[in-house]
Amino acid sequence: MAEIKKLFLVSTFFIIAGLFTTVYAQQPTLVVTDNVVEMEFHDQITLVGRTQAWVESRIVSEVSGRVESIDAGEGVWIKKGTPLVSIDADQIRFELNAKQAETEQAKLEAGLTKNDLKRMQDLYSKNLISESAYDSAVTWASIKEQRYNQLESERKKLELDFKNSVIKALYDGYTGRKLVDVGEWVNPGMPVFEMVDLSKVKVTVDLPERHFGRVSTGSEVMIVASGNGGEQLSGTVTGIAPRASEETHTFPVIIEVPNEDMALGGGMLVRTTLSMDETFNSLAVSKDAIIRQGEQTIVYTIADGKAVPIPVISKATNGKMIAVQGDGLSEGMPVVVRGNERIFPGSPVTTGQAEQTASDIGQVSQTE
């Protein structure tokens, strides 16, 4: 008798648990829908390219001397004017001080000869001196003035050399490799540091010759790099080579991509989607409506309060919209754009306001 009672209690427990599970499973999922629309798209082509810093420099020394210190690290972001390398400037400083004194003396001499020339002009105008004496005074004043100008130029050159003994960053950007070490001797034009500006990057892709003339400068390009989590970035075609490569028979296309948040580094492989000049009309849905299940792509619509999947083929994109083609898809049809990751074919669903639905979905996720 006890065994029968025990069996009865266990059976009752599973029946009640099953009822609760059924009730919970039948609770409709809150979703947000958006209507299928018809809009214009550009034909597109996807090509693989590689990123490159828009500005990539080897900063050089402008003076000769021994490297006194390395003032910046490698691979760090610095502002324009930040010291990179300091050159021992003692010799330049001594020469500058000597030249400064020599220039001051020449300036005084030029001033004296200029005053003498004024007196000679006055005497010559009164016929109190000969023409040859006056010409000699003019020549001597000119020699002294030219001597002063020459020394002043040499002084300014030494002053500039002294200033350039501290080699600084020419723009905001990242440092690369340091190319010298403390104690080494450098000469003018010798590279001392690498720098790159990644505030925007250049992407070069090879356009097949059959598509030449179908892409225009100024057209928008969508870029996806596997290294940044698949985030989609926007760029612009800034140049198209007029001549194909002899090896590949493709035309290099230059794309400029803003990169203020440093999502892209130099040398990264990226997938680019170029918009071509030809246009076509197509049914379109929000990109949020697209669900990829293996090799199949679907969107969910709603019929009789239940989720109904529709297989689609996705084509070109236009901003947040994507062109799609699928049997049963029609303009004005509602498709699920939020909450679609929580439903499956035949799931009971209910629609609500976007804000309310998003909040409710978030609460459900937190509960689970």
Protein backbone atom coordinates (compact mmCIF):
# COMPACT_ATOMS: atom_id res chain seq x y z
CA MET A 1 0.00 0.00 0.00
CA ALA A 2 2.85 2.35 0.91
CA GLU A 3 4.54 1.65 -2.41
CA ILE A 4 1.33 2.48 -4.32
CA LYS A 5 0.97 5.75 -2.40
CA LYS A 6 4.59 6.62 -3.12
CA LEU A 7 4.13 5.86 -6.83
CA PHE A 8 1.01 8.02 -6.88
CA LEU A 9 2.84 11.00 -5.34
CA VAL A 10 5.74 10.73 -7.78
CA SER A 11 3.35 10.53 -10.75
CA THR A 12 1.40 13.53 -9.49
CA PHE A 13 4.62 15.55 -9.15
CA PHE A 14 5.67 14.86 -12.74
CA ILE A 15 2.19 15.65 -14.06
CA ILE A 16 2.13 19.00 -12.25
CA ALA A 17 5.70 19.79 -13.39
CA GLY A 18 4.69 18.98 -16.94
CA LEU A 19 1.66 21.27 -16.70
CA PHE A 20 3.83 24.12 -15.43
CA THR A 21 6.36 23.52 -18.20
CA THR A 22 3.60 23.54 -20.82
CA VAL A 23 2.09 26.74 -19.45
CA TYR A 24 5.49 28.46 -19.37
CA ALA A 25 6.38 27.23 -22.87
CA GLN A 26 3.11 28.64 -24.19
CA GLN A 27 3.78 32.12 -22.82
CA PRO A 28 4.04 34.39 -25.90
CA THR A 29 7.40 36.06 -26.53
CA LEU A 30 7.41 39.84 -26.78
CA VAL A 31 8.89 41.03 -30.09
CA VAL A 32 9.19 44.18 -32.17
CA THR A 33 8.31 44.14 -35.85
CA ASP A 34 9.05 46.35 -38.82
CA ASN A 35 7.46 46.25 -42.27
CA VAL A 36 9.04 44.97 -45.45
CA VAL A 37 9.61 47.89 -47.84
CA GLU A 38 10.69 48.34 -51.43
CA MET A 39 13.67 50.60 -52.04
CA GLU A 40 16.57 51.31 -54.36
CA PHE A 41 19.94 49.59 -53.99
CA HIS A 42 23.28 49.70 -55.74
CA ASP A 43 24.85 46.57 -57.16
CA GLN A 44 27.70 45.58 -54.87
CA ILE A 45 30.90 43.60 -55.00
CA THR A 46 32.86 42.23 -52.04
CA LEU A 47 36.66 42.30 -52.15
CA VAL A 48 39.40 41.57 -49.64
CA GLY A 49 41.98 44.26 -48.92
CA ARG A 50 44.60 45.25 -46.40
CA THR A 51 44.73 48.33 -44.19
CA GLN A 52 47.57 50.82 -44.15
CA ALA A 53 48.15 53.88 -41.99
CA TRP A 54 47.18 57.03 -43.91
CA VAL A 55 50.48 58.63 -42.85
CA GLU A 56 53.52 56.43 -42.17
CA SER A 57 56.84 58.18 -41.62
CA ARG A 58 60.45 57.64 -40.68
CA ILE A 59 61.36 60.70 -38.63
CA VAL A 60 64.91 61.83 -39.48
CA SER A 61 67.59 63.86 -37.75
CA GLU A 62 68.39 67.29 -39.19
CA VAL A 63 71.72 67.66 -37.39
CA SER A 64 74.88 65.66 -36.80
CA GLY A 65 75.74 64.49 -33.32
CA ARG A 66 75.74 61.76 -30.72
CA VAL A 67 72.39 60.41 -29.46
CA GLU A 68 72.08 61.67 -25.90
CA SER A 69 68.71 60.16 -24.94
CA ILE A 70 65.66 58.30 -26.26
CA ASP A 71 62.68 60.34 -25.07
CA ALA A 72 59.71 58.22 -26.23
CA GLY A 73 58.73 54.58 -26.04
CA GLU A 74 57.81 52.29 -28.90
CA GLY A 75 54.15 51.66 -29.74
CA VAL A 76 52.74 54.56 -27.73
CA TRP A 77 50.38 57.36 -28.77
CA ILE A 78 51.94 60.83 -28.58
CA LYS A 79 50.96 64.35 -29.54
CA LYS A 80 52.61 66.53 -32.15
CA GLY A 81 55.74 68.15 -30.71
CA THR A 82 56.52 65.39 -28.21
CA PRO A 83 60.31 64.78 -27.99
CA LEU A 84 61.46 61.50 -29.55
CA VAL A 85 65.26 61.64 -29.50
CA SER A 86 67.75 64.19 -28.12
CA ILE A 87 71.12 64.81 -29.80
CA ASP A 88 74.09 66.10 -27.78
CA ALA A 89 74.07 69.84 -28.59
CA ASP A 90 77.12 71.09 -26.63
CA GLN A 91 79.18 71.72 -29.77
CA ILE A 92 76.30 73.55 -31.44
CA ARG A 93 75.75 75.67 -28.33
CA PHE A 94 79.43 76.74 -28.23
CA GLU A 95 79.39 77.63 -31.92
CA LEU A 96 76.13 79.51 -31.46
CA ASN A 97 77.52 81.60 -28.60
CA ALA A 98 80.62 82.47 -30.63
CA LYS A 99 78.57 83.33 -33.68
CA GLN A 100 76.25 85.47 -31.57
CA ALA A 101 79.18 87.60 -30.40
CA GLU A 102 80.61 87.85 -33.91
CA THR A 103 77.23 88.91 -35.26
CA GLU A 104 76.82 91.61 -32.61
CA GLN A 105 80.21 93.04 -33.54
CA ALA A 106 79.36 93.02 -37.24
CA LYS A 107 76.07 94.74 -36.48
CA LEU A 108 77.88 97.56 -34.67
CA GLU A 109 80.39 97.95 -37.50
CA ALA A 110 77.60 98.05 -40.10
CA GLY A 111 75.86 100.73 -38.05
CA LEU A 112 79.02 102.85 -37.85
CA THR A 113 79.71 102.63 -41.58
CA LYS A 114 76.09 103.56 -42.29
CA ASN A 115 76.48 106.70 -40.16
CA ASP A 116 79.77 107.50 -41.91
CA LEU A 117 78.04 107.12 -45.26
CA LYS A 118 75.39 109.66 -44.27
CA ARG A 119 78.11 112.18 -43.41
CA MET A 120 79.92 111.46 -46.67
CA GLN A 121 76.66 111.97 -48.60
CA ASP A 122 76.26 115.37 -46.96
CA LEU A 123 79.83 116.37 -47.77
CA TYR A 124 79.55 115.08 -51.34
CA SER A 125 76.33 117.06 -51.90
CA LYS A 126 78.30 120.21 -50.92
CA ASN A 127 81.20 119.27 -53.23
CA LEU A 128 83.52 119.00 -50.21
CA ILE A 129 84.81 115.50 -51.11
CA SER A 130 85.62 113.78 -54.36
CA GLU A 131 83.37 111.31 -56.11
CA SER A 132 85.89 108.51 -55.60
CA ALA A 133 85.93 109.13 -51.84
CA TYR A 134 82.16 109.00 -51.78
CA ASP A 135 82.11 105.78 -53.85
CA SER A 136 84.58 104.19 -51.45
CA ALA A 137 82.30 105.05 -48.52
CA VAL A 138 79.30 103.51 -50.32
CA THR A 139 81.27 100.33 -51.09
CA TRP A 140 82.61 100.01 -47.54
CA ALA A 141 79.11 100.45 -46.04
CA SER A 142 77.75 97.80 -48.41
CA ILE A 143 80.54 95.36 -47.45
CA LYS A 144 79.85 95.80 -43.75
CA GLU A 145 76.09 95.38 -44.24
CA GLN A 146 76.56 92.19 -46.28
CA ARG A 147 79.00 90.85 -43.69
CA TYR A 148 76.44 91.41 -40.95
CA ASN A 149 73.66 89.74 -43.01
CA GLN A 150 75.90 86.73 -43.65
CA LEU A 151 76.77 86.31 -39.98
CA GLU A 152 73.12 86.75 -38.95
CA SER A 153 72.10 83.97 -41.37
CA GLU A 154 74.81 81.70 -39.94
CA ARG A 155 73.64 82.53 -36.41
CA LYS A 156 70.03 81.67 -37.30
CA LYS A 157 71.21 78.40 -38.86
CA LEU A 158 73.04 77.44 -35.65
CA GLU A 159 70.02 78.49 -33.61
CA LEU A 160 67.83 76.23 -35.75
CA ASP A 161 70.33 73.37 -35.41
CA PHE A 162 70.27 73.80 -31.64
CA LYS A 163 66.46 73.66 -31.68
CA ASN A 164 66.50 70.62 -33.98
CA SER A 165 68.87 68.74 -31.67
CA VAL A 166 65.67 67.62 -29.93
CA ILE A 167 63.84 65.58 -32.57
CA LYS A 168 60.07 65.84 -32.09
CA ALA A 169 56.91 64.17 -33.42
CA LEU A 170 55.61 65.92 -36.53
CA TYR A 171 51.97 64.93 -35.91
CA ASP A 172 49.67 63.16 -33.46
CA GLY A 173 50.09 59.42 -33.82
CA TYR A 174 51.71 56.20 -32.67
CA THR A 175 55.42 55.61 -32.42
CA GLY A 176 56.82 52.58 -34.20
CA ARG A 177 60.34 51.22 -33.89
CA LYS A 178 63.19 53.35 -32.60
CA LEU A 179 65.98 53.14 -35.14
CA VAL A 180 68.91 54.43 -33.04
CA ASP A 181 70.28 53.91 -29.53
CA VAL A 182 72.00 56.13 -27.00
CA GLY A 183 75.63 56.77 -27.94
CA GLU A 184 75.21 56.26 -31.69
CA TRP A 185 76.27 58.98 -34.13
CA VAL A 186 73.63 60.36 -36.46
CA ASN A 187 73.91 62.55 -39.54
CA PRO A 188 71.34 64.78 -41.25
CA GLY A 189 68.72 62.69 -43.03
CA MET A 190 69.30 59.59 -40.89
CA PRO A 191 66.00 57.97 -39.66
CA VAL A 192 65.71 57.77 -35.87
CA PHE A 193 62.08 56.75 -35.23
CA GLU A 194 59.06 55.37 -37.08
CA MET A 195 55.63 56.99 -36.66
CA VAL A 196 52.14 56.28 -37.99
CA ASP A 197 48.93 58.28 -38.00
CA LEU A 198 45.95 55.92 -37.62
CA SER A 199 43.24 58.57 -37.24
CA LYS A 200 42.24 57.33 -40.68
CA VAL A 201 43.46 54.35 -42.65
CA LYS A 202 43.85 53.51 -46.30
CA VAL A 203 42.52 50.24 -47.68
CA THR A 204 43.64 49.06 -51.11
CA VAL A 205 41.59 46.46 -52.97
CA ASP A 206 42.00 44.99 -56.45
CA LEU A 207 38.98 45.59 -58.69
CA PRO A 208 38.53 42.94 -61.43
CA GLU A 209 38.77 44.46 -64.89
CA ARG A 210 35.22 43.37 -65.77
CA HIS A 211 34.00 45.86 -63.14
CA PHE A 212 36.22 48.76 -64.23
CA GLY A 213 34.14 51.86 -64.85
CA ARG A 214 31.33 50.65 -62.58
CA VAL A 215 32.76 52.12 -59.36
CA SER A 216 33.09 55.88 -58.82
CA THR A 217 35.23 57.97 -56.50
CA GLY A 218 33.17 59.25 -53.59
CA SER A 219 31.03 56.11 -53.38
CA GLU A 220 30.46 54.55 -49.97
CA VAL A 221 32.21 51.35 -48.92
CA MET A 222 31.36 49.05 -46.01
CA ILE A 223 34.36 47.49 -44.24
CA VAL A 224 34.45 44.53 -41.86
CA ALA A 225 37.64 43.34 -40.15
CA SER A 226 37.76 40.05 -38.31
CA GLY A 227 40.17 41.57 -35.83
CA ASN A 228 37.67 44.09 -34.44
CA GLY A 229 34.86 41.68 -33.58
CA GLY A 230 33.13 41.95 -36.94
CA GLU A 231 32.17 45.61 -36.40
CA GLN A 232 31.05 47.25 -39.65
CA LEU A 233 32.80 50.50 -40.57
CA SER A 234 32.14 52.98 -43.35
CA GLY A 235 34.65 54.30 -45.85
CA THR A 236 34.83 56.24 -49.11
CA VAL A 237 36.48 55.49 -52.45
CA THR A 238 39.10 58.24 -52.92
CA GLY A 239 40.96 56.93 -55.95
CA ILE A 240 40.87 54.35 -58.75
CA ALA A 241 44.01 53.50 -60.70
CA PRO A 242 43.49 54.11 -64.44
CA ARG A 243 45.78 51.24 -65.40
CA ALA A 244 45.47 47.56 -64.53
CA SER A 245 48.25 45.54 -62.95
CA GLU A 246 50.07 43.50 -65.59
CA GLU A 247 50.28 40.50 -63.25
CA THR A 248 46.70 40.37 -61.94
CA HIS A 249 44.77 42.42 -64.54
CA THR A 250 43.03 44.23 -61.67
CA PHE A 251 42.70 47.93 -60.92
CA PRO A 252 43.83 49.13 -57.45
CA VAL A 253 41.08 51.04 -55.64
CA ILE A 254 42.00 53.32 -52.72
CA ILE A 255 39.50 53.57 -49.84
CA GLU A 256 39.69 56.08 -46.98
CA VAL A 257 38.28 54.91 -43.64
CA PRO A 258 37.87 57.24 -40.61
CA ASN A 259 39.45 55.54 -37.61
CA GLU A 260 39.23 57.96 -34.69
CA ASP A 261 38.43 55.15 -32.23
CA MET A 262 41.41 53.13 -33.51
CA ALA A 263 39.25 50.12 -34.42
CA LEU A 264 41.67 49.31 -37.25
CA GLY A 265 45.41 48.84 -37.15
CA GLY A 266 47.87 48.82 -40.00
CA GLY A 267 48.29 45.64 -42.04
CA MET A 268 44.89 44.11 -41.15
CA LEU A 269 42.94 42.02 -43.65
CA VAL A 270 39.45 43.44 -44.18
CA ARG A 271 36.41 42.54 -46.25
CA THR A 272 35.11 45.49 -48.25
CA THR A 273 31.75 45.86 -49.98
CA LEU A 274 31.84 48.41 -52.79
CA SER A 275 28.69 49.97 -54.22
CA MET A 276 28.69 50.11 -58.01
CA ASP A 277 26.97 52.69 -60.16
CA GLU A 278 24.09 50.47 -61.35
CA THR A 279 20.92 50.48 -59.22
CA PHE A 280 17.94 48.16 -58.81
CA ASN A 281 14.75 48.05 -56.75
CA SER A 282 14.18 45.26 -54.25
CA LEU A 283 12.20 44.28 -51.19
CA ALA A 284 14.18 45.23 -48.10
CA VAL A 285 14.18 44.54 -44.38
CA SER A 286 16.14 45.91 -41.46
CA LYS A 287 19.45 44.14 -40.91
CA ASP A 288 18.16 43.28 -37.43
CA ALA A 289 15.53 41.04 -39.03
CA ILE A 290 18.13 38.72 -40.54
CA ILE A 291 18.76 35.41 -38.75
CA ARG A 292 21.54 33.17 -40.05
CA GLN A 293 21.23 29.47 -39.26
CA GLY A 294 24.23 27.73 -40.75
CA GLU A 295 24.05 28.21 -44.49
CA GLN A 296 20.39 29.29 -44.36
CA THR A 297 19.18 32.86 -43.88
CA ILE A 298 15.65 33.51 -42.60
CA VAL A 299 13.37 36.25 -41.35
CA TYR A 300 10.40 35.75 -39.05
CA THR A 301 6.95 37.09 -39.81
CA ILE A 302 3.84 36.65 -37.67
CA ALA A 303 0.70 34.74 -38.65
CA ASP A 304 -2.16 33.98 -36.20
CA GLY A 305 0.03 35.05 -33.28
CA LYS A 306 2.82 32.62 -34.13
CA ALA A 307 6.31 33.02 -35.58
CA VAL A 308 6.61 31.90 -39.18
CA PRO A 309 10.09 31.62 -40.74
CA ILE A 310 10.66 32.67 -44.35
CA PRO A 311 13.93 31.61 -46.03
CA VAL A 312 15.48 34.54 -47.88
CA ILE A 313 18.48 35.36 -49.99
CA SER A 314 20.22 38.55 -48.85
CA LYS A 315 21.80 40.80 -51.42
CA ALA A 316 22.98 44.42 -51.32
CA THR A 317 22.81 46.76 -48.34
CA ASN A 318 21.74 50.38 -48.02
CA GLY A 319 22.51 51.83 -44.61
CA LYS A 320 20.61 49.74 -42.04
CA MET A 321 18.50 48.05 -44.71
CA ILE A 322 19.32 44.93 -46.69
CA ALA A 323 17.83 43.73 -49.97
CA VAL A 324 16.19 40.31 -49.68
CA GLN A 325 14.38 37.85 -51.91
CA GLY A 326 12.16 35.05 -50.65
CA ASP A 327 8.98 33.14 -51.49
CA GLY A 328 6.02 34.57 -49.62
CA LEU A 329 7.74 37.86 -48.81
CA SER A 330 5.74 40.95 -49.77
CA GLU A 331 5.84 44.70 -49.23
CA GLY A 332 4.19 45.78 -45.99
CA MET A 333 4.57 42.37 -44.33
CA PRO A 334 5.69 42.59 -40.68
CA VAL A 335 9.00 40.94 -39.83
CA VAL A 336 10.51 40.56 -36.38
CA VAL A 337 13.48 42.86 -35.75
CA ARG A 338 13.86 42.48 -31.97
CA GLY A 339 13.38 39.36 -29.93
CA ASN A 340 13.88 37.12 -32.97
CA GLU A 341 16.83 35.38 -31.31
CA ARG A 342 14.41 33.98 -28.68
CA ILE A 343 11.80 32.45 -30.97
CA PHE A 344 11.53 29.41 -33.20
CA PRO A 345 9.03 28.27 -35.85
CA GLY A 346 5.56 28.14 -34.34
CA SER A 347 6.48 30.12 -31.20
CA PRO A 348 3.57 32.16 -29.81
CA VAL A 349 4.51 35.84 -30.02
CA THR A 350 3.02 39.19 -29.18
CA THR A 351 4.10 42.61 -30.37
CA GLY A 352 4.54 45.72 -28.26
CA GLN A 353 6.06 49.17 -28.30
CA ALA A 354 9.79 49.14 -28.99
CA GLU A 355 10.77 50.59 -25.60
CA GLN A 356 8.41 48.36 -23.62
CA THR A 357 9.36 45.26 -25.55
CA ALA A 358 13.08 45.87 -25.19
CA SER A 359 12.66 46.36 -21.45
CA ASP A 360 10.55 43.24 -21.08
CA ILE A 361 12.96 41.16 -23.14
CA GLY A 362 15.83 42.42 -20.99
CA GLN A 363 13.98 41.49 -17.81
CA VAL A 364 13.30 38.00 -19.12
CA SER A 365 16.97 37.58 -20.01
CA GLN A 366 18.05 38.70 -16.54
CA THR A 367 15.55 36.31 -14.92
CA GLU A 368 16.90 33.41 -16.91
